[in-house]
Amino acid sequence: MNHGSTAQSRQLFGLVLTLAISVILCTVTLRFSWGFWFPDEIFQTMEPAFSLISGKGVLSWEFTTKARGMLYPFLLSMWMRIVFIFSHDPLTLYVATRAMLSLFFLWAMASIWFRFRRFMTAPDGFNSLVSPWIWNLVFILVVAAFPLVYYFGFRTLTDSIAGTLTLVALFSLPERASPGLVRYFLLGLLFGLSYGIRFQTGVFLACWMPLYALQMWKSDRQILPVFVLGCGTLLAILIYGLSDYLYYGIPFISSVNYFKATVIDEVGNKYGTSPFNFYFQMYDRYLGFLLIFLIPGCFKMRKWWPVLCAVAAFVLIHALIAHKDLRYLFFTFPILLFVIAMGILVSFQFIRQRSRALSWAFLTIAMLGVLVHQIQLTRKKIPWGMGEEVMVPYFEAHKSGIKGNLLIGYTDVFATSGGFVYLGKDFRGDLFYFDLQKLSPSEARRILNEVNPDFVLLRDSQVEWHCSTYGFCNPVWRAGGYVWIQVRK
């Protein structure tokens, strides 16, 4: 009895330590990388959600062509209303939203840890040579401390939350058929929501679900849990269809138009293309020598063949599409890290059965290698301050008295903007995007007369030209290479 209680206490300590480290890393990420900015991070999520509340918002082509689902903006709009009860500050909204999303990320991390523990304590798992403190150490260093998952894990990107929900559902499923059918239904809801938020998740689900059903039938002759799982998924997809109906007037229209735009019309190619091997290069870049341990890990986790096959299919299918982005693969990294951690422990156990000294030497070298690898990723390969200079002028606008009609004068592409949402809920003017330096004097004058701006946002390097050409010479806010200029009427 005491032995069992001690083992349980050690395992609980491992969970607490894992979550504590994750909380610290989440907090540090939120504190020192709040400048994260990516067009889709605003204009496919926060901006349409803000438009549902305020009626103001710059809607990207995906929404004007009904090619992007409204489920996530609807959910985010509910969250925004809660935040606005306490504060209208745009930076507060930004940080609070990412902090809220980090709770889902921590939920996913806890789910991964529990599944890892089940693998480690299963009768056909590892023997006593691999003690709880050893596998917890490996899990924390390899999985919980991997910098890239914090880079993507709780941004407002659709890929981030859809990937997180997929991870929670995937790692919370029992290995064998369980009588708790409610659990299957709720996990199915998460799978369905992940599709409604990010359609590309459907590629993984379409590959994984049939294989999972086959595995359940072959192992336990059980199909009812899979049926209940599917019912939960279907209900969530119907909720997504309802969101399309409420916003566009046609259910599921965004799925159809998204497929047409991305696969048939290849609209994404306008935003850049990459070779077939791009994703494999990214795995090599961010996983490096850890990829070696996928081999013993996959061998040990043969029961996870539906997941591993679905991941492989997901990557290969996306590799065939010319337009690529690392964020599409976010949820695959924790899965591969899970297998890698298992592979390290398999290797340790194999060596330990032959030589105690060599096993400890192997574990020490492997963990030091992992630590160095994580530090290199953090310092050299991940752009933690991405876009901070772009976001700050929007976060600070209301504090500097910026109001009325605003002209963003350094670009004619709205995506390099913080949008209405990060100007604050109290902003009542309009936004316009024109690079006056690219226009003829007559065209620029016509636009200025139509826009009638009160303030113009420029880069520092453009101020002298705008001052001499149009008399924009009254800076009221300057930071990070950007300047708000007050237009004299």
Protein backbone atom coordinates (compact mmCIF):
# COMPACT_ATOMS: atom_id res chain seq x y z
CA MET A 1 0.00 0.00 0.00
CA ASN A 2 2.79 2.40 0.94
CA HIS A 3 4.74 1.42 -2.18
CA GLY A 4 1.72 2.16 -4.38
CA SER A 5 1.13 5.49 -2.67
CA THR A 6 4.78 6.44 -3.11
CA ALA A 7 4.70 5.59 -6.82
CA GLN A 8 1.51 7.58 -7.27
CA SER A 9 3.02 10.54 -5.45
CA ARG A 10 6.07 10.44 -7.70
CA GLN A 11 3.90 10.38 -10.79
CA LEU A 12 1.80 13.27 -9.51
CA PHE A 13 4.99 15.18 -8.82
CA GLY A 14 6.00 14.61 -12.44
CA LEU A 15 2.73 16.11 -13.69
CA VAL A 16 3.00 19.10 -11.37
CA LEU A 17 6.61 19.69 -12.41
CA THR A 18 5.72 19.42 -16.10
CA LEU A 19 2.88 21.90 -15.78
CA ALA A 20 4.96 24.23 -13.62
CA ILE A 21 7.69 24.35 -16.26
CA SER A 22 5.07 24.84 -18.99
CA VAL A 23 3.45 27.68 -17.05
CA ILE A 24 6.84 29.38 -16.63
CA LEU A 25 7.64 29.01 -20.33
CA CYS A 26 4.17 30.23 -21.30
CA THR A 27 4.56 33.26 -19.04
CA VAL A 28 8.02 34.06 -20.41
CA THR A 29 6.71 33.71 -23.96
CA LEU A 30 3.79 36.02 -23.23
CA ARG A 31 6.04 38.55 -21.53
CA PHE A 32 8.86 38.74 -24.04
CA SER A 33 7.19 37.88 -27.33
CA TRP A 34 3.92 39.79 -27.27
CA GLY A 35 4.90 41.30 -30.60
CA PHE A 36 3.95 38.10 -32.46
CA TRP A 37 2.23 39.20 -35.61
CA PHE A 38 1.18 37.42 -38.75
CA PRO A 39 -1.55 38.52 -41.19
CA ASP A 40 -3.69 35.42 -40.59
CA GLU A 41 -3.25 35.86 -36.85
CA ILE A 42 -5.30 39.04 -37.02
CA PHE A 43 -7.36 39.07 -40.17
CA GLN A 44 -8.64 35.49 -39.99
CA THR A 45 -9.33 35.55 -36.26
CA MET A 46 -9.35 38.69 -34.13
CA GLU A 47 -10.43 41.20 -36.78
CA PRO A 48 -13.56 39.34 -37.96
CA ALA A 49 -14.42 38.61 -34.33
CA PHE A 50 -14.15 42.32 -33.56
CA SER A 51 -16.33 43.13 -36.56
CA LEU A 52 -19.07 40.91 -35.11
CA ILE A 53 -19.07 43.08 -31.98
CA SER A 54 -18.45 46.57 -33.33
CA GLY A 55 -19.41 46.45 -36.99
CA LYS A 56 -15.90 47.71 -37.80
CA GLY A 57 -13.27 45.47 -39.28
CA VAL A 58 -11.12 44.87 -42.33
CA LEU A 59 -12.35 41.59 -43.80
CA SER A 60 -9.81 39.69 -45.88
CA TRP A 61 -10.63 37.99 -49.17
CA GLU A 62 -11.32 34.68 -47.40
CA PHE A 63 -14.40 36.21 -45.78
CA THR A 64 -15.60 38.30 -48.69
CA THR A 65 -15.51 35.16 -50.86
CA LYS A 66 -17.01 32.98 -48.09
CA ALA A 67 -13.92 30.77 -48.00
CA ARG A 68 -13.21 30.96 -44.26
CA GLY A 69 -15.38 29.55 -41.50
CA MET A 70 -16.86 31.90 -38.92
CA LEU A 71 -16.88 29.43 -36.03
CA TYR A 72 -13.63 30.69 -34.48
CA PRO A 73 -14.48 34.41 -34.87
CA PHE A 74 -17.86 33.72 -33.23
CA LEU A 75 -16.12 32.02 -30.29
CA LEU A 76 -13.51 34.78 -30.03
CA SER A 77 -16.20 37.46 -30.11
CA MET A 78 -17.72 35.92 -26.97
CA TRP A 79 -14.33 36.11 -25.29
CA MET A 80 -13.82 39.71 -26.43
CA ARG A 81 -17.09 40.77 -24.85
CA ILE A 82 -15.87 39.38 -21.54
CA VAL A 83 -12.53 41.22 -21.81
CA PHE A 84 -14.26 44.48 -22.75
CA ILE A 85 -16.25 44.34 -19.51
CA PHE A 86 -12.97 44.97 -17.68
CA SER A 87 -10.84 46.87 -20.19
CA HIS A 88 -10.97 48.44 -23.66
CA ASP A 89 -7.18 48.58 -23.90
CA PRO A 90 -6.10 46.74 -27.10
CA LEU A 91 -2.89 45.42 -25.57
CA THR A 92 -4.90 43.99 -22.67
CA LEU A 93 -7.14 42.22 -25.18
CA TYR A 94 -4.12 40.83 -27.02
CA VAL A 95 -2.33 39.54 -23.92
CA ALA A 96 -5.53 38.29 -22.25
CA THR A 97 -6.51 36.35 -25.37
CA ARG A 98 -3.14 34.67 -25.63
CA ALA A 99 -3.18 33.93 -21.90
CA MET A 100 -6.61 32.32 -22.30
CA LEU A 101 -5.38 30.24 -25.24
CA SER A 102 -2.36 29.19 -23.18
CA LEU A 103 -4.76 27.42 -20.80
CA PHE A 104 -5.83 25.19 -23.70
CA PHE A 105 -2.15 24.62 -24.46
CA LEU A 106 -1.51 23.57 -20.85
CA TRP A 107 -4.52 21.25 -21.11
CA ALA A 108 -2.90 19.65 -24.14
CA MET A 109 0.43 19.33 -22.33
CA ALA A 110 -1.27 17.62 -19.37
CA SER A 111 -3.08 15.26 -21.77
CA ILE A 112 0.21 14.34 -23.43
CA TRP A 113 1.81 13.69 -20.05
CA PHE A 114 -1.03 11.41 -18.92
CA ARG A 115 -0.78 9.39 -22.13
CA PHE A 116 3.00 9.16 -21.69
CA ARG A 117 2.51 7.91 -18.14
CA ARG A 118 0.08 5.24 -19.35
CA PHE A 119 2.65 4.03 -21.84
CA MET A 120 5.33 3.95 -19.15
CA THR A 121 3.23 2.08 -16.57
CA ALA A 122 1.46 -0.37 -18.91
CA PRO A 123 2.13 -4.09 -18.28
CA ASP A 124 3.81 -4.41 -21.67
CA GLY A 125 5.58 -1.08 -21.30
CA PHE A 126 8.87 -0.44 -19.51
CA ASN A 127 10.37 -2.37 -16.63
CA SER A 128 11.69 -1.03 -13.34
CA LEU A 129 14.98 -0.03 -14.97
CA VAL A 130 13.21 3.12 -16.17
CA SER A 131 12.08 4.81 -12.96
CA PRO A 132 9.49 7.64 -12.85
CA TRP A 133 12.09 10.32 -12.34
CA ILE A 134 13.96 9.16 -15.47
CA TRP A 135 10.97 9.17 -17.82
CA ASN A 136 9.68 12.42 -16.33
CA LEU A 137 13.07 14.02 -16.94
CA VAL A 138 13.08 12.85 -20.55
CA PHE A 139 9.48 14.00 -21.09
CA ILE A 140 10.13 17.45 -19.65
CA LEU A 141 13.32 18.12 -21.60
CA VAL A 142 12.16 16.66 -24.91
CA VAL A 143 8.43 17.53 -24.99
CA ALA A 144 7.51 20.10 -22.34
CA ALA A 145 10.56 22.32 -22.93
CA PHE A 146 10.53 22.25 -26.74
CA PRO A 147 10.59 25.94 -27.78
CA LEU A 148 8.69 25.62 -31.06
CA VAL A 149 5.49 24.41 -29.38
CA TYR A 150 5.46 27.61 -27.31
CA TYR A 151 6.10 29.65 -30.42
CA PHE A 152 2.89 28.28 -31.98
CA GLY A 153 0.96 26.87 -29.04
CA PHE A 154 -1.17 29.82 -27.94
CA ARG A 155 -1.12 32.40 -30.68
CA THR A 156 -4.45 33.52 -32.08
CA LEU A 157 -3.78 31.60 -35.29
CA THR A 158 -6.46 29.11 -36.28
CA ASP A 159 -3.66 26.55 -36.60
CA SER A 160 -2.75 27.03 -32.95
CA ILE A 161 -6.14 26.41 -31.34
CA ALA A 162 -7.19 23.73 -33.87
CA GLY A 163 -3.91 21.93 -33.30
CA THR A 164 -4.25 22.20 -29.54
CA LEU A 165 -7.79 20.76 -29.57
CA THR A 166 -6.63 17.92 -31.80
CA LEU A 167 -3.79 17.12 -29.40
CA VAL A 168 -6.09 17.14 -26.37
CA ALA A 169 -8.56 14.79 -28.03
CA LEU A 170 -5.92 12.51 -29.52
CA PHE A 171 -3.89 12.02 -26.35
CA SER A 172 -6.98 11.68 -24.14
CA LEU A 173 -8.39 8.70 -26.02
CA PRO A 174 -8.08 5.35 -24.20
CA GLU A 175 -5.74 2.77 -25.73
CA ARG A 176 -8.48 0.16 -25.54
CA ALA A 177 -12.27 0.30 -25.73
CA SER A 178 -13.67 1.91 -22.59
CA PRO A 179 -17.23 1.83 -21.25
CA GLY A 180 -17.14 5.59 -20.69
CA LEU A 181 -18.95 6.57 -23.88
CA VAL A 182 -19.49 10.18 -22.75
CA ARG A 183 -15.75 10.63 -22.90
CA TYR A 184 -15.64 9.50 -26.52
CA PHE A 185 -18.47 11.86 -27.39
CA LEU A 186 -16.77 14.88 -25.78
CA LEU A 187 -13.45 14.07 -27.44
CA GLY A 188 -15.30 13.76 -30.74
CA LEU A 189 -16.62 17.28 -30.16
CA LEU A 190 -13.04 18.52 -29.88
CA PHE A 191 -12.08 16.81 -33.12
CA GLY A 192 -15.08 18.34 -34.89
CA LEU A 193 -14.36 21.81 -33.50
CA SER A 194 -10.76 21.55 -34.68
CA TYR A 195 -12.05 20.95 -38.20
CA GLY A 196 -14.55 23.81 -38.00
CA ILE A 197 -11.75 26.15 -36.92
CA ARG A 198 -9.09 24.95 -39.37
CA PHE A 199 -10.23 22.86 -42.33
CA GLN A 200 -6.80 21.32 -42.90
CA THR A 201 -7.30 19.33 -39.71
CA GLY A 202 -9.83 17.36 -41.75
CA VAL A 203 -6.98 15.82 -43.74
CA PHE A 204 -5.57 14.28 -40.57
CA LEU A 205 -8.97 13.18 -39.28
CA ALA A 206 -9.92 11.61 -42.61
CA CYS A 207 -6.73 9.53 -42.50
CA TRP A 208 -6.78 8.70 -38.80
CA MET A 209 -10.42 7.89 -38.00
CA PRO A 210 -10.84 4.89 -40.35
CA LEU A 211 -7.55 3.44 -39.13
CA TYR A 212 -8.56 3.98 -35.50
CA ALA A 213 -11.91 2.27 -36.13
CA LEU A 214 -10.09 -0.66 -37.74
CA GLN A 215 -7.71 -0.90 -34.80
CA MET A 216 -10.55 -0.90 -32.28
CA TRP A 217 -12.35 -3.63 -34.19
CA LYS A 218 -9.26 -5.82 -34.53
CA SER A 219 -8.16 -5.47 -30.90
CA ASP A 220 -11.43 -5.45 -28.94
CA ARG A 221 -14.13 -6.17 -31.51
CA GLN A 222 -15.59 -2.84 -30.43
CA ILE A 223 -17.09 -0.30 -32.78
CA LEU A 224 -19.58 1.48 -30.50
CA PRO A 225 -16.95 3.83 -28.94
CA VAL A 226 -15.84 4.83 -32.43
CA PHE A 227 -19.47 5.43 -33.42
CA VAL A 228 -19.99 7.67 -30.38
CA LEU A 229 -16.72 9.48 -31.16
CA GLY A 230 -17.99 10.06 -34.68
CA CYS A 231 -21.32 11.37 -33.35
CA GLY A 232 -19.49 13.96 -31.25
CA THR A 233 -17.40 14.96 -34.26
CA LEU A 234 -20.50 15.24 -36.44
CA LEU A 235 -22.30 17.42 -33.88
CA ALA A 236 -19.36 19.84 -33.74
CA ILE A 237 -19.25 19.97 -37.53
CA LEU A 238 -22.97 20.76 -37.55
CA ILE A 239 -22.27 23.61 -35.11
CA TYR A 240 -19.66 24.88 -37.53
CA GLY A 241 -22.24 24.59 -40.34
CA LEU A 242 -24.66 26.63 -38.23
CA SER A 243 -22.04 29.38 -37.82
CA ASP A 244 -21.68 29.52 -41.60
CA TYR A 245 -25.45 29.72 -41.96
CA LEU A 246 -25.76 32.54 -39.43
CA TYR A 247 -23.05 34.63 -41.10
CA TYR A 248 -23.15 33.67 -44.79
CA GLY A 249 -26.70 32.36 -45.09
CA ILE A 250 -25.49 28.98 -46.42
CA PRO A 251 -24.24 26.14 -44.17
CA PHE A 252 -20.82 24.66 -44.96
CA ILE A 253 -20.22 27.13 -47.80
CA SER A 254 -16.79 28.03 -46.41
CA SER A 255 -15.56 24.42 -46.68
CA VAL A 256 -16.57 24.27 -50.34
CA ASN A 257 -15.06 27.64 -51.20
CA TYR A 258 -11.91 26.95 -49.20
CA PHE A 259 -11.32 23.73 -51.14
CA LYS A 260 -11.96 25.56 -54.41
CA ALA A 261 -9.63 28.43 -53.53
CA THR A 262 -6.74 26.36 -52.17
CA VAL A 263 -6.83 23.19 -54.27
CA ILE A 264 -8.50 24.13 -57.55
CA ASP A 265 -7.66 27.83 -57.94
CA GLU A 266 -4.40 27.59 -55.93
CA VAL A 267 -4.88 31.07 -54.51
CA GLY A 268 -2.28 30.36 -51.83
CA ASN A 269 0.44 30.25 -54.48
CA LYS A 270 0.18 34.05 -54.73
CA TYR A 271 1.61 34.24 -51.22
CA GLY A 272 4.63 32.08 -51.99
CA THR A 273 5.49 28.52 -52.91
CA SER A 274 8.02 26.02 -51.57
CA PRO A 275 9.52 22.80 -52.94
CA PHE A 276 8.16 19.36 -52.09
CA ASN A 277 10.81 18.74 -49.42
CA PHE A 278 10.16 21.99 -47.49
CA TYR A 279 8.41 20.31 -44.55
CA PHE A 280 11.08 17.64 -44.28
CA GLN A 281 13.69 20.40 -44.16
CA MET A 282 11.74 22.04 -41.35
CA TYR A 283 11.65 18.80 -39.36
CA ASP A 284 15.38 18.52 -39.82
CA ARG A 285 15.87 22.17 -38.82
CA TYR A 286 13.82 22.01 -35.63
CA LEU A 287 14.25 18.39 -34.54
CA GLY A 288 17.80 17.77 -35.72
CA PHE A 289 19.51 14.77 -34.16
CA LEU A 290 16.33 13.92 -32.23
CA LEU A 291 14.95 12.42 -35.43
CA ILE A 292 17.22 9.42 -34.88
CA PHE A 293 15.07 8.33 -31.95
CA LEU A 294 11.92 8.19 -34.07
CA ILE A 295 13.00 4.73 -35.21
CA PRO A 296 13.07 2.98 -31.80
CA GLY A 297 10.12 5.12 -30.70
CA CYS A 298 7.93 3.99 -33.61
CA PHE A 299 8.97 0.40 -32.98
CA LYS A 300 7.91 0.64 -29.33
CA MET A 301 4.66 2.43 -30.17
CA ARG A 302 3.34 -0.04 -32.72
CA LYS A 303 -0.12 0.29 -31.18
CA TRP A 304 -0.11 3.91 -32.25
CA TRP A 305 0.10 3.00 -35.91
CA PRO A 306 -3.16 4.83 -36.82
CA VAL A 307 -1.73 8.10 -35.48
CA LEU A 308 1.68 7.64 -37.06
CA CYS A 309 0.19 6.69 -40.43
CA ALA A 310 -2.18 9.69 -40.31
CA VAL A 311 0.69 12.07 -39.50
CA ALA A 312 2.73 10.67 -42.39
CA ALA A 313 -0.24 11.03 -44.76
CA PHE A 314 -0.96 14.55 -43.50
CA VAL A 315 2.62 15.67 -44.15
CA LEU A 316 2.86 14.01 -47.56
CA ILE A 317 -0.43 15.48 -48.77
CA HIS A 318 0.61 18.95 -47.64
CA ALA A 319 4.02 18.49 -49.23
CA LEU A 320 2.26 18.09 -52.59
CA ILE A 321 0.66 21.54 -52.22
CA ALA A 322 2.90 24.31 -53.51
CA HIS A 323 1.96 26.89 -50.86
CA LYS A 324 3.49 25.81 -47.56
CA ASP A 325 3.84 27.18 -44.05
CA LEU A 326 5.43 25.66 -40.96
CA ARG A 327 2.40 26.56 -38.82
CA TYR A 328 0.30 24.01 -40.73
CA LEU A 329 2.38 21.28 -39.07
CA PHE A 330 2.27 22.68 -35.53
CA PHE A 331 0.27 19.81 -34.01
CA THR A 332 2.56 17.17 -35.52
CA PHE A 333 5.57 18.33 -33.51
CA PRO A 334 4.23 17.28 -30.06
CA ILE A 335 3.24 13.92 -31.57
CA LEU A 336 6.72 13.36 -32.98
CA LEU A 337 8.36 14.60 -29.77
CA PHE A 338 6.22 12.09 -27.85
CA VAL A 339 7.58 9.29 -30.04
CA ILE A 340 11.13 10.66 -29.79
CA ALA A 341 10.98 10.74 -25.99
CA MET A 342 9.77 7.15 -26.09
CA GLY A 343 12.63 6.27 -28.42
CA ILE A 344 15.20 7.71 -26.03
CA LEU A 345 13.81 5.63 -23.19
CA VAL A 346 13.70 2.49 -25.34
CA SER A 347 17.36 3.04 -26.16
CA PHE A 348 18.19 3.66 -22.50
CA GLN A 349 16.43 0.47 -21.41
CA PHE A 350 18.12 -1.57 -24.13
CA ILE A 351 21.58 -0.33 -23.07
CA ARG A 352 20.77 -0.64 -19.35
CA GLN A 353 20.03 -4.36 -19.72
CA ARG A 354 23.59 -4.80 -20.96
CA SER A 355 25.63 -2.21 -19.10
CA ARG A 356 24.59 0.07 -16.26
CA ALA A 357 27.53 2.43 -16.81
CA LEU A 358 26.93 2.78 -20.54
CA SER A 359 23.21 3.40 -20.01
CA TRP A 360 23.90 6.34 -17.70
CA ALA A 361 26.53 7.68 -20.09
CA PHE A 362 24.01 7.45 -22.94
CA LEU A 363 21.24 9.19 -20.96
CA THR A 364 23.59 11.96 -19.81
CA ILE A 365 24.89 12.63 -23.34
CA ALA A 366 21.37 12.47 -24.83
CA MET A 367 19.90 14.89 -22.30
CA LEU A 368 22.81 17.32 -22.63
CA GLY A 369 22.37 17.14 -26.40
CA VAL A 370 18.65 17.87 -26.02
CA LEU A 371 19.37 20.81 -23.73
CA VAL A 372 21.90 22.32 -26.15
CA HIS A 373 19.48 21.73 -29.02
CA GLN A 374 16.64 23.52 -27.22
CA ILE A 375 18.88 26.47 -26.36
CA GLN A 376 19.99 26.80 -29.99
CA LEU A 377 16.37 26.76 -31.15
CA THR A 378 15.45 29.43 -28.63
CA ARG A 379 18.34 31.74 -29.43
CA LYS A 380 18.96 31.27 -33.15
CA LYS A 381 16.11 29.61 -35.01
CA ILE A 382 12.88 31.06 -33.64
CA PRO A 383 11.99 34.77 -34.22
CA TRP A 384 10.44 35.51 -30.83
CA GLY A 385 10.05 39.27 -31.39
CA MET A 386 8.41 38.88 -34.79
CA GLY A 387 6.30 41.86 -35.82
CA GLU A 388 6.59 43.79 -32.58
CA GLU A 389 7.40 47.03 -34.41
CA VAL A 390 4.27 46.66 -36.53
CA MET A 391 1.96 46.08 -33.58
CA VAL A 392 3.15 48.72 -31.14
CA PRO A 393 1.80 51.77 -33.08
CA TYR A 394 -1.68 50.23 -32.90
CA PHE A 395 -1.50 49.20 -29.26
CA GLU A 396 -0.35 52.70 -28.29
CA ALA A 397 -2.58 54.75 -30.62
CA HIS A 398 -5.38 55.42 -28.14
CA LYS A 399 -2.88 56.50 -25.47
CA SER A 400 -1.37 59.06 -27.86
CA GLY A 401 -4.66 60.65 -28.84
CA ILE A 402 -4.72 59.03 -32.28
CA LYS A 403 -8.31 59.15 -33.54
CA GLY A 404 -10.45 60.10 -36.50
CA ASN A 405 -9.56 58.86 -40.00
CA LEU A 406 -6.20 57.10 -40.15
CA LEU A 407 -4.08 56.61 -43.25
CA ILE A 408 -1.50 53.82 -43.19
CA GLY A 409 0.96 55.39 -45.59
CA TYR A 410 3.74 52.85 -45.90
CA THR A 411 1.83 50.07 -47.65
CA ASP A 412 -1.16 49.39 -49.82
CA VAL A 413 -1.58 45.90 -48.35
CA PHE A 414 -3.85 45.93 -45.30
CA ALA A 415 -2.30 42.75 -43.89
CA THR A 416 0.73 44.70 -42.57
CA SER A 417 -1.56 46.33 -40.06
CA GLY A 418 -2.99 45.76 -36.63
CA GLY A 419 -6.48 46.32 -37.97
CA PHE A 420 -9.37 47.90 -36.11
CA VAL A 421 -9.25 45.38 -33.29
CA TYR A 422 -5.91 46.59 -31.96
CA LEU A 423 -6.82 50.28 -32.19
CA GLY A 424 -9.22 49.69 -29.33
CA LYS A 425 -12.96 49.33 -28.87
CA ASP A 426 -13.42 53.10 -28.50
CA PHE A 427 -11.86 53.96 -31.88
CA ARG A 428 -14.55 55.55 -34.09
CA GLY A 429 -12.68 56.53 -37.25
CA ASP A 430 -11.83 54.66 -40.43
CA LEU A 431 -8.68 53.00 -41.72
CA PHE A 432 -7.22 53.50 -45.18
CA TYR A 433 -4.18 51.91 -46.79
CA PHE A 434 -2.26 53.84 -49.47
CA ASP A 435 1.45 54.13 -50.13
CA LEU A 436 1.54 57.71 -51.40
CA GLN A 437 5.11 57.35 -52.64
CA LYS A 438 3.93 54.82 -55.21
CA LEU A 439 1.18 57.09 -56.58
CA SER A 440 1.28 60.01 -58.96
CA PRO A 441 0.88 63.46 -57.32
CA SER A 442 -2.60 63.91 -58.78
CA GLU A 443 -3.75 60.45 -57.67
CA ALA A 444 -2.29 60.98 -54.19
CA ARG A 445 -4.04 64.35 -53.83
CA ARG A 446 -7.34 62.83 -54.93
CA ILE A 447 -7.01 60.05 -52.33
CA LEU A 448 -6.07 62.51 -49.58
CA ASN A 449 -9.13 64.62 -50.38
CA GLU A 450 -11.37 61.55 -50.24
CA VAL A 451 -9.82 60.05 -47.12
CA ASN A 452 -9.36 63.35 -45.30
CA PRO A 453 -6.99 61.75 -42.74
CA ASP A 454 -6.47 63.08 -39.26
CA PHE A 455 -3.30 61.05 -38.68
CA VAL A 456 -0.89 59.18 -40.94
CA LEU A 457 1.26 56.24 -39.87
CA LEU A 458 4.66 56.18 -41.59
CA ARG A 459 8.04 54.60 -41.29
CA ASP A 460 10.76 56.90 -39.95
CA SER A 461 12.54 56.82 -43.29
CA GLN A 462 9.45 58.20 -45.07
CA VAL A 463 8.78 61.23 -42.88
CA GLU A 464 11.09 63.67 -44.66
CA TRP A 465 9.53 62.96 -48.07
CA HIS A 466 5.96 63.22 -46.78
CA CYS A 467 6.80 66.44 -44.94
CA SER A 468 8.26 68.15 -48.00
CA THR A 469 5.62 66.79 -50.38
CA TYR A 470 2.38 66.95 -48.41
CA GLY A 471 3.24 68.89 -45.28
CA PHE A 472 2.97 65.92 -42.92
CA CYS A 473 5.49 67.37 -40.48
CA ASN A 474 3.90 67.09 -37.04
CA PRO A 475 4.95 63.81 -35.36
CA VAL A 476 2.94 62.96 -32.22
CA TRP A 477 4.24 59.45 -31.51
CA ARG A 478 7.46 57.73 -32.52
CA ALA A 479 8.76 54.27 -31.59
CA GLY A 480 10.15 51.15 -33.19
CA GLY A 481 10.83 52.77 -36.53
CA TYR A 482 7.25 54.04 -36.99
CA VAL A 483 5.73 57.52 -36.61
CA TRP A 484 2.18 58.81 -36.24
CA ILE A 485 1.96 62.17 -37.98
CA GLN A 486 -0.88 64.58 -37.24
CA VAL A 487 -2.33 66.13 -40.38
CA ARG A 488 -2.94 69.86 -40.07
CA LYS A 489 -6.36 70.84 -41.37
